[in-house]
Amino acid sequence: MPLPRCLVVDPDTAFAQILAAIIARHGFETRVIHEPFSALAELRSKAFDLILFDLSTGSGDFEKVFDTIRREMPALMERIVIVTTTPLLSAGMPVGVPVVGKNDLKPLMEYLKG
């Protein structure tokens, strides 16, 4: 049986690799992408069971990609977890999209267990 797949989308290379290793220990095959628009192409071409998105960059690209997913691939919304250093971004997220802080990944671990 194939492992569930997780896409980690984060411009912070070191943190993305750490997060991918944590997720892999929870039984996921992981793929790391640092550029938001590359992530969109990946989501269009492959199936993922979990998508971890960092929306805290100042460029706005992550927000644009997230909005594109919301419009064009709404079924993926239930698979997204926002991992960010900017908790205020959660105010604009649709109900049901989990938001966890990079400084406290315990809620993510609970999400993975549940």
Protein backbone atom coordinates (compact mmCIF):
# COMPACT_ATOMS: atom_id res chain seq x y z
CA MET A 1 0.00 0.00 0.00
CA PRO A 2 1.48 3.39 -0.97
CA LEU A 3 2.25 5.94 1.72
CA PRO A 4 0.04 9.02 1.99
CA ARG A 5 1.65 12.01 0.28
CA CYS A 6 2.38 15.40 1.80
CA LEU A 7 3.43 18.57 -0.02
CA VAL A 8 5.38 21.06 2.13
CA VAL A 9 5.33 24.57 0.66
CA ASP A 10 7.68 26.92 2.49
CA PRO A 11 10.36 29.36 1.25
CA ASP A 12 12.48 28.68 4.35
CA THR A 13 14.63 25.80 3.10
CA ALA A 14 15.86 24.67 6.51
CA PHE A 15 12.44 24.75 8.16
CA ALA A 16 10.81 23.00 5.20
CA GLN A 17 13.30 20.14 5.44
CA ILE A 18 12.74 19.80 9.20
CA LEU A 19 8.97 19.82 8.71
CA ALA A 20 9.24 17.23 5.92
CA ALA A 21 11.30 14.97 8.20
CA ILE A 22 8.71 15.26 10.97
CA ILE A 23 5.89 14.45 8.56
CA ALA A 24 7.84 11.50 7.12
CA ARG A 25 8.15 10.08 10.65
CA HIS A 26 4.35 10.12 10.75
CA GLY A 27 4.22 7.82 7.72
CA PHE A 28 4.02 10.29 4.82
CA GLU A 29 5.97 10.45 1.61
CA THR A 30 6.97 14.11 1.44
CA ARG A 31 7.75 16.56 -1.33
CA VAL A 32 9.19 20.00 -0.55
CA ILE A 33 8.61 23.03 -2.76
CA HIS A 34 9.95 26.50 -1.97
CA GLU A 35 8.28 28.53 -4.72
CA PRO A 36 4.51 28.99 -4.41
CA PHE A 37 3.73 28.85 -8.14
CA SER A 38 5.77 25.65 -8.47
CA ALA A 39 3.56 24.22 -5.74
CA LEU A 40 0.49 25.05 -7.78
CA ALA A 41 1.90 23.14 -10.76
CA GLU A 42 2.71 20.20 -8.48
CA LEU A 43 -0.84 20.17 -7.09
CA ARG A 44 -2.25 20.15 -10.59
CA SER A 45 -0.12 17.18 -11.63
CA LYS A 46 -0.07 14.93 -8.53
CA ALA A 47 -2.41 13.87 -5.74
CA PHE A 48 -1.55 14.82 -2.16
CA ASP A 49 -3.25 13.77 1.05
CA LEU A 50 -1.88 16.69 3.06
CA ILE A 51 -0.61 20.12 2.04
CA LEU A 52 1.36 22.25 4.50
CA PHE A 53 1.50 25.89 3.41
CA ASP A 54 3.48 28.77 4.88
CA LEU A 55 1.63 31.98 4.07
CA SER A 56 3.83 34.29 6.12
CA THR A 57 6.08 35.63 3.37
CA GLY A 58 5.68 39.26 2.44
CA SER A 59 5.58 38.70 -1.32
CA GLY A 60 1.89 37.90 -1.60
CA ASP A 61 2.61 34.94 -3.90
CA PHE A 62 1.50 32.40 -1.31
CA GLU A 63 -1.79 34.21 -0.85
CA LYS A 64 -2.35 34.27 -4.63
CA VAL A 65 -1.62 30.57 -4.92
CA PHE A 66 -3.85 29.77 -1.96
CA ASP A 67 -6.69 31.77 -3.54
CA THR A 68 -6.16 29.88 -6.83
CA ILE A 69 -6.43 26.56 -5.01
CA ARG A 70 -9.60 27.76 -3.28
CA ARG A 71 -11.17 28.71 -6.65
CA GLU A 72 -9.86 25.97 -8.98
CA MET A 73 -9.33 22.98 -6.67
CA PRO A 74 -11.76 23.45 -3.77
CA ALA A 75 -11.61 19.76 -2.81
CA LEU A 76 -8.01 20.33 -1.68
CA MET A 77 -9.10 22.84 0.95
CA GLU A 78 -9.82 20.06 3.44
CA ARG A 79 -6.24 18.80 3.04
CA ILE A 80 -4.48 22.10 3.74
CA VAL A 81 -2.85 23.10 7.01
CA ILE A 82 -1.38 26.58 7.28
CA VAL A 83 2.00 26.64 9.06
CA THR A 84 2.98 30.23 9.75
CA THR A 85 4.78 32.70 11.98
CA THR A 86 1.98 35.21 11.38
CA PRO A 87 -1.09 34.08 13.35
CA LEU A 88 -3.14 37.05 12.15
CA LEU A 89 -3.27 35.51 8.67
CA SER A 90 -5.67 32.94 10.08
CA ALA A 91 -8.36 35.63 10.28
CA GLY A 92 -8.82 35.48 6.50
CA MET A 93 -8.80 31.69 6.23
CA PRO A 94 -12.00 29.81 5.49
CA VAL A 95 -13.61 28.02 8.41
CA GLY A 96 -12.07 24.60 8.83
CA VAL A 97 -8.56 25.35 7.55
CA PRO A 98 -6.25 24.57 10.47
CA VAL A 99 -3.55 27.11 11.29
CA VAL A 100 -0.49 26.19 13.35
CA GLY A 101 2.47 28.28 14.41
CA LYS A 102 6.02 27.42 13.37
CA ASN A 103 7.08 27.95 16.98
CA ASP A 104 4.63 25.35 18.30
CA LEU A 105 4.06 22.30 16.11
CA LYS A 106 2.13 20.36 18.78
CA PRO A 107 -1.23 21.21 17.15
CA LEU A 108 0.09 19.82 13.86
CA MET A 109 1.12 16.59 15.56
CA GLU A 110 -2.36 16.32 17.09
CA TYR A 111 -3.90 16.99 13.67
CA LEU A 112 -1.82 14.17 12.17
CA LYS A 113 -2.91 11.76 14.91
CA GLY A 114 -6.57 12.65 14.65
